[in-house]
């Protein structure tokens, strides 16, 4: 089932237009500023894997739309690195951290994404989900796994996390 607001490692992810995501970042920043709450805004994109979008009206998204639609009314897009970079660059002025969700651990993708963001926004903080749902051994050898976090840090990924860990901690505390 295709839907927006899905876990990044599930199929059927649907993007919202870039402008809509930016409007939400601006609204969050305004609310935090008005209330005087210290806030770190993280802009996430699923453009590496998502091949659907809710609308084709945003100029930033148009280079990636195919002109095809699904029976549900979604627009088909060309997912991948280029669209992820385009969205990351669009979000950068409005977010403290940029997170591009990936479907597998991929240092080359992470490096290329970081280089593109830092070319326009030097020092912009980046985030990477080192998910336990990745099949690490299928995609990487032991030596690469051992140096993965260090390599990410050298590319500027200052926030490396395991999203599933919080869920497990929550469940452990509840039952």
N, C-alpha and C. Protein backbone atom coordinates (compact mmCIF):
# COMPACT_ATOMS: atom_id res chain seq x y z
N UNK A 1 0.84 -1.17 0.00
CA UNK A 1 0.00 0.00 0.00
C UNK A 1 0.89 1.24 0.00
N UNK A 2 0.69 2.10 -0.96
CA UNK A 2 1.48 3.32 -1.07
C UNK A 2 0.90 4.40 -0.15
N UNK A 3 1.79 5.12 0.54
CA UNK A 3 1.34 6.13 1.47
C UNK A 3 2.49 7.05 1.87
N UNK A 4 2.15 8.31 2.18
CA UNK A 4 3.15 9.20 2.77
C UNK A 4 3.28 8.82 4.24
N UNK A 5 4.32 9.30 4.90
CA UNK A 5 4.57 9.07 6.33
C UNK A 5 4.78 7.59 6.65
N UNK A 6 5.59 6.93 5.87
CA UNK A 6 5.90 5.52 6.13
C UNK A 6 7.31 5.38 6.66
N UNK A 7 7.55 4.24 7.26
CA UNK A 7 8.92 3.89 7.64
C UNK A 7 9.77 3.88 6.39
N UNK A 8 10.96 4.41 6.47
CA UNK A 8 11.83 4.51 5.31
C UNK A 8 12.28 3.19 4.73
N UNK A 9 12.11 2.10 5.45
CA UNK A 9 12.55 0.81 4.93
C UNK A 9 11.39 -0.06 4.47
N UNK A 10 10.23 0.54 4.31
CA UNK A 10 9.07 -0.18 3.80
C UNK A 10 8.82 0.24 2.36
N UNK A 11 8.22 -0.63 1.60
CA UNK A 11 7.86 -0.30 0.22
C UNK A 11 6.67 0.64 0.18
N UNK A 12 6.42 1.23 -0.98
CA UNK A 12 5.25 2.08 -1.17
C UNK A 12 5.37 3.47 -0.61
N UNK A 13 6.60 3.97 -0.46
CA UNK A 13 6.79 5.33 0.06
C UNK A 13 6.35 6.35 -0.99
N UNK A 14 5.69 7.40 -0.53
CA UNK A 14 5.22 8.48 -1.39
C UNK A 14 5.79 9.79 -0.87
N UNK A 15 6.43 10.55 -1.74
CA UNK A 15 6.96 11.86 -1.37
C UNK A 15 5.86 12.91 -1.39
N UNK A 16 6.06 13.97 -0.62
CA UNK A 16 5.23 15.17 -0.76
C UNK A 16 6.06 16.16 -1.57
N UNK A 17 5.41 17.14 -2.22
CA UNK A 17 6.18 18.13 -2.97
C UNK A 17 7.22 18.82 -2.07
N UNK A 18 8.34 19.17 -2.65
CA UNK A 18 9.42 19.81 -1.91
C UNK A 18 8.92 21.04 -1.15
N UNK A 19 8.12 21.86 -1.81
CA UNK A 19 7.62 23.09 -1.19
C UNK A 19 6.79 22.76 0.05
N UNK A 20 6.00 21.70 0.01
CA UNK A 20 5.20 21.30 1.17
C UNK A 20 6.10 20.92 2.35
N UNK A 21 7.16 20.19 2.07
CA UNK A 21 8.10 19.81 3.13
C UNK A 21 8.76 21.05 3.73
N UNK A 22 9.13 22.00 2.89
CA UNK A 22 9.75 23.24 3.36
C UNK A 22 8.76 24.05 4.21
N UNK A 23 7.50 24.09 3.80
CA UNK A 23 6.49 24.80 4.59
C UNK A 23 6.36 24.18 5.98
N UNK A 24 6.46 22.87 6.07
CA UNK A 24 6.39 22.20 7.38
C UNK A 24 7.62 22.52 8.23
N UNK A 25 8.78 22.59 7.59
CA UNK A 25 9.99 22.98 8.32
C UNK A 25 9.86 24.41 8.85
N UNK A 26 9.35 25.31 8.01
CA UNK A 26 9.16 26.70 8.44
C UNK A 26 8.15 26.80 9.58
N UNK A 27 7.07 26.04 9.50
CA UNK A 27 6.06 26.05 10.57
C UNK A 27 6.65 25.54 11.88
N UNK A 28 7.45 24.49 11.80
CA UNK A 28 8.08 23.94 13.00
C UNK A 28 9.05 24.95 13.61
N UNK A 29 9.83 25.61 12.77
CA UNK A 29 10.78 26.60 13.27
C UNK A 29 10.04 27.77 13.91
N UNK A 30 8.98 28.24 13.28
CA UNK A 30 8.20 29.35 13.83
C UNK A 30 7.63 28.97 15.19
N UNK A 31 7.03 27.80 15.28
CA UNK A 31 6.46 27.37 16.56
C UNK A 31 7.53 27.29 17.65
N UNK A 32 8.67 26.72 17.32
CA UNK A 32 9.76 26.61 18.30
C UNK A 32 10.25 27.99 18.73
N UNK A 33 10.39 28.89 17.76
CA UNK A 33 10.88 30.23 18.08
C UNK A 33 9.88 31.01 18.92
N UNK A 34 8.60 30.94 18.56
CA UNK A 34 7.57 31.66 19.31
C UNK A 34 7.49 31.15 20.75
N UNK A 35 7.63 29.86 20.92
CA UNK A 35 7.53 29.27 22.26
C UNK A 35 8.86 29.28 23.01
N UNK A 36 9.92 29.70 22.34
CA UNK A 36 11.22 29.76 22.99
C UNK A 36 11.79 28.39 23.32
N UNK A 37 11.48 27.41 22.50
CA UNK A 37 11.93 26.04 22.75
C UNK A 37 13.15 25.75 21.87
N UNK A 38 14.28 25.44 22.48
CA UNK A 38 15.44 25.07 21.66
C UNK A 38 15.10 23.82 20.83
N UNK A 39 15.29 23.92 19.55
CA UNK A 39 14.86 22.86 18.64
C UNK A 39 15.91 22.61 17.58
N UNK A 40 16.10 21.36 17.26
CA UNK A 40 16.96 20.95 16.16
C UNK A 40 16.05 20.38 15.08
N UNK A 41 15.95 21.06 13.94
CA UNK A 41 15.08 20.59 12.86
C UNK A 41 15.84 19.64 11.94
N UNK A 42 15.25 18.48 11.74
CA UNK A 42 15.82 17.48 10.84
C UNK A 42 14.91 17.35 9.64
N UNK A 43 15.47 17.56 8.46
CA UNK A 43 14.72 17.37 7.21
C UNK A 43 15.12 16.02 6.63
N UNK A 44 14.13 15.16 6.44
CA UNK A 44 14.39 13.82 5.92
C UNK A 44 13.80 13.69 4.52
N UNK A 45 14.53 13.00 3.66
CA UNK A 45 13.97 12.65 2.36
C UNK A 45 14.08 11.15 2.13
N UNK A 46 13.07 10.61 1.49
CA UNK A 46 13.05 9.21 1.07
C UNK A 46 13.24 9.10 -0.44
N UNK A 47 13.78 10.16 -1.06
CA UNK A 47 13.88 10.21 -2.52
C UNK A 47 14.81 9.16 -3.11
N UNK A 48 15.66 8.55 -2.29
CA UNK A 48 16.53 7.49 -2.81
C UNK A 48 15.70 6.30 -3.27
N UNK A 49 14.60 6.02 -2.59
CA UNK A 49 13.81 4.83 -2.91
C UNK A 49 12.38 5.12 -3.34
N UNK A 50 11.78 6.20 -2.86
CA UNK A 50 10.37 6.47 -3.17
C UNK A 50 10.22 6.77 -4.66
N UNK A 51 9.26 6.11 -5.28
CA UNK A 51 9.05 6.35 -6.71
C UNK A 51 7.68 6.96 -7.00
N UNK A 52 7.05 7.52 -5.96
CA UNK A 52 5.76 8.19 -6.12
C UNK A 52 5.79 9.53 -5.39
N UNK A 53 4.97 10.46 -5.87
CA UNK A 53 4.82 11.77 -5.23
C UNK A 53 3.36 12.18 -5.33
N UNK A 54 2.88 12.96 -4.37
CA UNK A 54 1.46 13.31 -4.33
C UNK A 54 1.05 14.32 -5.39
N UNK A 55 1.98 15.13 -5.87
CA UNK A 55 1.66 16.18 -6.83
C UNK A 55 2.88 16.50 -7.68
N UNK A 56 2.64 16.97 -8.89
CA UNK A 56 3.75 17.33 -9.78
C UNK A 56 3.86 18.84 -9.98
N UNK A 57 3.29 19.64 -9.08
CA UNK A 57 3.25 21.09 -9.27
C UNK A 57 4.54 21.80 -8.88
N UNK A 58 5.38 21.19 -8.07
CA UNK A 58 6.59 21.85 -7.57
C UNK A 58 7.69 21.82 -8.62
N UNK A 59 8.24 22.99 -8.94
CA UNK A 59 9.30 23.08 -9.96
C UNK A 59 10.52 22.25 -9.57
N UNK A 60 10.81 22.14 -8.28
CA UNK A 60 11.96 21.34 -7.84
C UNK A 60 11.77 19.85 -8.13
N UNK A 61 10.54 19.41 -8.15
CA UNK A 61 10.24 17.99 -8.35
C UNK A 61 10.05 17.62 -9.82
N UNK A 62 9.72 18.59 -10.65
CA UNK A 62 9.36 18.30 -12.04
C UNK A 62 10.44 17.58 -12.85
N UNK A 63 11.73 17.86 -12.64
CA UNK A 63 12.74 17.10 -13.41
C UNK A 63 12.71 15.59 -13.13
N UNK A 64 12.06 15.19 -12.06
CA UNK A 64 12.07 13.78 -11.66
C UNK A 64 10.74 13.07 -11.91
N UNK A 65 9.70 13.82 -12.28
CA UNK A 65 8.42 13.18 -12.56
C UNK A 65 8.43 12.60 -13.97
N UNK A 66 7.70 11.51 -14.15
CA UNK A 66 7.71 10.80 -15.43
C UNK A 66 6.53 11.14 -16.32
N UNK A 67 5.51 11.79 -15.76
CA UNK A 67 4.29 12.05 -16.51
C UNK A 67 3.25 10.95 -16.31
N UNK A 68 3.65 9.85 -15.70
CA UNK A 68 2.72 8.74 -15.45
C UNK A 68 2.07 8.90 -14.08
N UNK A 69 0.86 8.35 -13.97
CA UNK A 69 0.14 8.37 -12.69
C UNK A 69 -0.32 6.98 -12.34
N UNK A 70 -0.52 6.78 -11.04
CA UNK A 70 -1.05 5.50 -10.58
C UNK A 70 -2.57 5.60 -10.52
N UNK A 71 -3.24 4.48 -10.34
CA UNK A 71 -4.69 4.50 -10.23
C UNK A 71 -5.15 5.26 -8.99
N UNK A 72 -4.27 5.35 -7.98
CA UNK A 72 -4.59 6.11 -6.77
C UNK A 72 -4.41 7.61 -6.96
N UNK A 73 -3.83 8.02 -8.08
CA UNK A 73 -3.63 9.44 -8.36
C UNK A 73 -2.24 9.96 -8.06
N UNK A 74 -1.35 9.10 -7.58
CA UNK A 74 0.02 9.53 -7.33
C UNK A 74 0.76 9.70 -8.66
N UNK A 75 1.78 10.52 -8.64
CA UNK A 75 2.63 10.73 -9.81
C UNK A 75 3.89 9.89 -9.65
N UNK A 76 4.32 9.27 -10.73
CA UNK A 76 5.54 8.46 -10.68
C UNK A 76 6.76 9.35 -10.83
N UNK A 77 7.82 9.00 -10.09
CA UNK A 77 9.06 9.77 -10.15
C UNK A 77 10.24 8.83 -10.39
N UNK A 78 11.34 9.44 -10.81
CA UNK A 78 12.61 8.71 -10.93
C UNK A 78 13.36 8.92 -9.61
N UNK A 79 13.41 7.87 -8.82
CA UNK A 79 14.06 7.98 -7.52
C UNK A 79 15.57 7.88 -7.68
N UNK A 80 16.28 8.10 -6.58
CA UNK A 80 17.72 7.93 -6.61
C UNK A 80 18.50 9.12 -6.09
N UNK A 81 19.79 9.07 -6.32
CA UNK A 81 20.72 10.06 -5.79
C UNK A 81 20.40 11.48 -6.25
N UNK A 82 20.14 11.68 -7.53
CA UNK A 82 19.91 13.04 -8.04
C UNK A 82 18.72 13.70 -7.37
N UNK A 83 17.62 12.97 -7.24
CA UNK A 83 16.45 13.55 -6.58
C UNK A 83 16.72 13.77 -5.09
N UNK A 84 17.43 12.85 -4.46
CA UNK A 84 17.77 13.01 -3.05
C UNK A 84 18.61 14.28 -2.84
N UNK A 85 19.58 14.49 -3.70
CA UNK A 85 20.41 15.69 -3.61
C UNK A 85 19.57 16.94 -3.84
N UNK A 86 18.71 16.92 -4.83
CA UNK A 86 17.86 18.07 -5.12
C UNK A 86 17.02 18.45 -3.91
N UNK A 87 16.44 17.47 -3.27
CA UNK A 87 15.63 17.73 -2.09
C UNK A 87 16.50 18.18 -0.91
N UNK A 88 17.63 17.54 -0.72
CA UNK A 88 18.52 17.94 0.36
C UNK A 88 18.97 19.38 0.23
N UNK A 89 19.30 19.78 -0.98
CA UNK A 89 19.71 21.17 -1.23
C UNK A 89 18.56 22.14 -0.98
N UNK A 90 17.35 21.74 -1.35
CA UNK A 90 16.19 22.60 -1.13
C UNK A 90 15.88 22.75 0.36
N UNK A 91 16.07 21.69 1.12
CA UNK A 91 15.77 21.73 2.56
C UNK A 91 16.85 22.43 3.38
N UNK A 92 18.07 22.43 2.89
CA UNK A 92 19.22 22.89 3.68
C UNK A 92 19.05 24.26 4.33
N UNK A 93 18.50 25.27 3.65
CA UNK A 93 18.38 26.57 4.32
C UNK A 93 17.38 26.58 5.48
N UNK A 94 16.53 25.57 5.56
CA UNK A 94 15.43 25.57 6.52
C UNK A 94 15.60 24.54 7.65
N UNK A 95 16.61 23.70 7.54
CA UNK A 95 16.79 22.63 8.53
C UNK A 95 18.19 22.69 9.11
N UNK A 96 18.32 22.21 10.33
CA UNK A 96 19.63 22.15 10.98
C UNK A 96 20.42 20.93 10.53
N UNK A 97 19.70 19.86 10.22
CA UNK A 97 20.31 18.59 9.83
C UNK A 97 19.57 18.05 8.62
N UNK A 98 20.30 17.45 7.69
CA UNK A 98 19.69 16.83 6.51
C UNK A 98 19.90 15.32 6.62
N UNK A 99 18.81 14.57 6.44
CA UNK A 99 18.84 13.11 6.52
C UNK A 99 18.26 12.54 5.24
N UNK A 100 19.06 11.78 4.54
CA UNK A 100 18.58 11.05 3.37
C UNK A 100 18.49 9.57 3.74
N UNK A 101 17.28 9.07 3.83
CA UNK A 101 17.07 7.66 4.15
C UNK A 101 17.50 6.80 2.97
N UNK A 102 18.23 5.74 3.27
CA UNK A 102 18.68 4.81 2.23
C UNK A 102 18.13 3.41 2.53
N UNK A 103 18.03 2.61 1.49
CA UNK A 103 17.49 1.26 1.64
C UNK A 103 18.52 0.23 2.04
N UNK A 104 19.79 0.60 1.97
CA UNK A 104 20.88 -0.30 2.36
C UNK A 104 22.07 0.55 2.76
N UNK A 105 23.00 0.00 3.51
CA UNK A 105 24.20 0.77 3.87
C UNK A 105 25.05 0.97 2.62
N UNK A 106 25.33 2.23 2.29
CA UNK A 106 26.01 2.52 1.03
C UNK A 106 26.92 3.74 1.21
N UNK A 107 28.20 3.49 1.40
CA UNK A 107 29.15 4.58 1.62
C UNK A 107 29.31 5.48 0.40
N UNK A 108 29.26 4.92 -0.79
CA UNK A 108 29.41 5.74 -2.00
C UNK A 108 28.23 6.70 -2.16
N UNK A 109 27.02 6.21 -1.92
CA UNK A 109 25.84 7.07 -1.96
C UNK A 109 25.97 8.17 -0.91
N UNK A 110 26.34 7.78 0.31
CA UNK A 110 26.48 8.74 1.41
C UNK A 110 27.53 9.80 1.08
N UNK A 111 28.65 9.38 0.50
CA UNK A 111 29.72 10.32 0.14
C UNK A 111 29.24 11.30 -0.93
N UNK A 112 28.61 10.79 -1.99
CA UNK A 112 28.14 11.65 -3.08
C UNK A 112 27.09 12.63 -2.59
N UNK A 113 26.17 12.17 -1.74
CA UNK A 113 25.15 13.05 -1.18
C UNK A 113 25.80 14.15 -0.35
N UNK A 114 26.71 13.77 0.53
CA UNK A 114 27.40 14.73 1.39
C UNK A 114 28.19 15.75 0.58
N UNK A 115 28.91 15.29 -0.42
CA UNK A 115 29.70 16.22 -1.24
C UNK A 115 28.81 17.24 -1.93
N UNK A 116 27.67 16.80 -2.45
CA UNK A 116 26.76 17.72 -3.14
C UNK A 116 26.17 18.74 -2.17
N UNK A 117 25.78 18.31 -1.00
CA UNK A 117 25.21 19.24 -0.02
C UNK A 117 26.29 20.22 0.44
N UNK A 118 27.47 19.71 0.77
CA UNK A 118 28.54 20.58 1.29
C UNK A 118 29.13 21.50 0.23
N UNK A 119 28.98 21.19 -1.04
CA UNK A 119 29.44 22.09 -2.09
C UNK A 119 28.68 23.41 -2.05
N UNK A 120 27.40 23.35 -1.69
CA UNK A 120 26.58 24.56 -1.60
C UNK A 120 26.39 25.05 -0.16
N UNK A 121 26.46 24.13 0.78
CA UNK A 121 26.24 24.46 2.19
C UNK A 121 27.36 23.85 3.03
N UNK A 122 28.56 24.45 2.98
CA UNK A 122 29.70 23.89 3.72
C UNK A 122 29.37 23.75 5.21
N UNK A 123 29.72 22.61 5.75
CA UNK A 123 29.51 22.38 7.18
C UNK A 123 28.09 22.01 7.57
N UNK A 124 27.18 21.91 6.62
CA UNK A 124 25.80 21.53 6.95
C UNK A 124 25.82 20.16 7.62
N UNK A 125 25.15 20.05 8.74
CA UNK A 125 25.10 18.79 9.47
C UNK A 125 24.27 17.77 8.71
N UNK A 126 24.75 16.54 8.71
CA UNK A 126 24.07 15.45 8.02
C UNK A 126 23.77 14.33 9.00
N UNK A 127 22.71 13.58 8.70
CA UNK A 127 22.29 12.45 9.53
C UNK A 127 22.24 11.19 8.69
N UNK A 128 22.52 10.05 9.33
CA UNK A 128 22.47 8.75 8.64
C UNK A 128 21.89 7.71 9.58
N UNK A 129 20.93 6.96 9.09
CA UNK A 129 20.28 5.91 9.85
C UNK A 129 21.05 4.60 9.64
N UNK A 130 21.77 4.17 10.64
CA UNK A 130 22.51 2.90 10.59
C UNK A 130 21.58 1.79 11.07
N UNK A 131 20.59 1.53 10.28
CA UNK A 131 19.48 0.68 10.68
C UNK A 131 19.85 -0.79 10.84
N UNK A 132 19.32 -1.43 11.88
CA UNK A 132 19.52 -2.87 12.01
C UNK A 132 18.70 -3.65 10.99
N UNK A 133 17.75 -2.99 10.32
CA UNK A 133 16.97 -3.69 9.29
C UNK A 133 17.74 -3.79 7.97
N UNK A 134 18.87 -3.09 7.85
CA UNK A 134 19.75 -3.30 6.69
C UNK A 134 20.31 -4.71 6.76
N UNK A 135 20.50 -5.33 5.64
CA UNK A 135 21.20 -6.60 5.60
C UNK A 135 22.68 -6.26 5.41
N UNK A 136 23.35 -5.94 6.50
CA UNK A 136 24.72 -5.44 6.46
C UNK A 136 25.67 -6.43 5.79
N UNK A 137 25.57 -7.69 6.14
CA UNK A 137 26.49 -8.71 5.60
C UNK A 137 26.26 -8.97 4.12
N UNK A 138 25.06 -8.76 3.64
CA UNK A 138 24.78 -8.95 2.22
C UNK A 138 25.41 -7.84 1.38
N UNK A 139 25.46 -6.65 1.93
CA UNK A 139 25.89 -5.48 1.18
C UNK A 139 27.34 -5.07 1.40
N UNK A 140 27.93 -5.49 2.52
CA UNK A 140 29.28 -5.03 2.86
C UNK A 140 30.12 -6.17 3.42
N UNK A 141 31.42 -6.07 3.21
CA UNK A 141 32.32 -7.04 3.84
C UNK A 141 32.63 -6.59 5.27
N UNK A 142 33.25 -7.45 6.05
CA UNK A 142 33.52 -7.15 7.46
C UNK A 142 34.38 -5.90 7.65
N UNK A 143 35.37 -5.71 6.79
CA UNK A 143 36.26 -4.55 6.91
C UNK A 143 35.48 -3.25 6.68
N UNK A 144 34.57 -3.24 5.72
CA UNK A 144 33.77 -2.05 5.44
C UNK A 144 32.79 -1.78 6.57
N UNK A 145 32.20 -2.84 7.11
CA UNK A 145 31.30 -2.67 8.25
C UNK A 145 32.06 -2.06 9.43
N UNK A 146 33.27 -2.52 9.68
CA UNK A 146 34.07 -2.04 10.81
C UNK A 146 34.40 -0.56 10.69
N UNK A 147 34.55 -0.06 9.48
CA UNK A 147 34.92 1.36 9.30
C UNK A 147 33.74 2.24 8.89
N UNK A 148 32.55 1.67 8.82
CA UNK A 148 31.39 2.38 8.26
C UNK A 148 31.12 3.71 8.98
N UNK A 149 30.99 3.69 10.30
CA UNK A 149 30.67 4.92 11.04
C UNK A 149 31.80 5.95 10.94
N UNK A 150 33.04 5.50 10.97
CA UNK A 150 34.17 6.42 10.84
C UNK A 150 34.16 7.10 9.47
N UNK A 151 33.89 6.32 8.44
CA UNK A 151 33.80 6.88 7.08
C UNK A 151 32.67 7.90 6.99
N UNK A 152 31.50 7.54 7.52
CA UNK A 152 30.38 8.48 7.50
C UNK A 152 30.76 9.79 8.19
N UNK A 153 31.41 9.69 9.33
CA UNK A 153 31.82 10.89 10.06
C UNK A 153 32.76 11.74 9.23
N UNK A 154 33.64 11.11 8.48
CA UNK A 154 34.58 11.87 7.65
C UNK A 154 33.88 12.61 6.51
N UNK A 155 32.68 12.16 6.14
CA UNK A 155 31.89 12.83 5.10
C UNK A 155 31.02 13.95 5.68
N UNK A 156 30.95 14.04 7.01
CA UNK A 156 30.15 15.09 7.64
C UNK A 156 28.86 14.60 8.27
N UNK A 157 28.69 13.29 8.38
CA UNK A 157 27.50 12.74 9.04
C UNK A 157 27.75 12.75 10.55
N UNK A 158 27.29 13.83 11.19
CA UNK A 158 27.56 14.03 12.61
C UNK A 158 26.52 13.36 13.50
N UNK A 159 25.37 13.02 12.94
CA UNK A 159 24.32 12.34 13.69
C UNK A 159 24.08 10.99 13.03
N UNK A 160 24.60 9.95 13.65
CA UNK A 160 24.42 8.58 13.17
C UNK A 160 23.61 7.85 14.23
N UNK A 161 22.56 7.22 13.81
CA UNK A 161 21.62 6.68 14.79
C UNK A 161 21.02 5.36 14.32
N UNK A 162 20.35 4.71 15.25
CA UNK A 162 19.63 3.47 14.98
C UNK A 162 18.20 3.71 15.43
N UNK A 163 17.32 4.00 14.48
CA UNK A 163 15.94 4.35 14.83
C UNK A 163 15.22 3.23 15.56
N UNK A 164 15.49 2.02 15.21
CA UNK A 164 14.80 0.89 15.82
C UNK A 164 15.14 0.73 17.30
N UNK A 165 16.28 1.23 17.71
CA UNK A 165 16.70 1.09 19.11
C UNK A 165 15.71 1.78 20.05
N UNK A 166 15.22 2.94 19.68
CA UNK A 166 14.25 3.64 20.51
C UNK A 166 12.95 2.87 20.66
N UNK A 167 12.53 2.23 19.58
CA UNK A 167 11.31 1.42 19.61
C UNK A 167 11.48 0.24 20.57
N UNK A 168 12.63 -0.41 20.49
CA UNK A 168 12.89 -1.53 21.39
C UNK A 168 12.94 -1.07 22.85
N UNK A 169 13.57 0.06 23.10
CA UNK A 169 13.64 0.58 24.47
C UNK A 169 12.24 0.92 24.99
N UNK A 170 11.41 1.50 24.13
CA UNK A 170 10.04 1.82 24.51
C UNK A 170 9.27 0.56 24.88
N UNK A 171 9.37 -0.45 24.05
CA UNK A 171 8.67 -1.71 24.33
C UNK A 171 9.19 -2.38 25.59
N UNK A 172 10.49 -2.36 25.79
CA UNK A 172 11.07 -2.97 26.98
C UNK A 172 10.53 -2.30 28.24
N UNK A 173 10.41 -0.98 28.19
CA UNK A 173 9.93 -0.23 29.34
C UNK A 173 8.44 -0.40 29.60
N UNK A 174 7.69 -0.83 28.58
CA UNK A 174 6.23 -0.94 28.72
C UNK A 174 5.78 -2.32 29.16
N UNK A 175 6.57 -3.34 28.88
CA UNK A 175 6.07 -4.70 29.13
C UNK A 175 6.94 -5.47 30.08
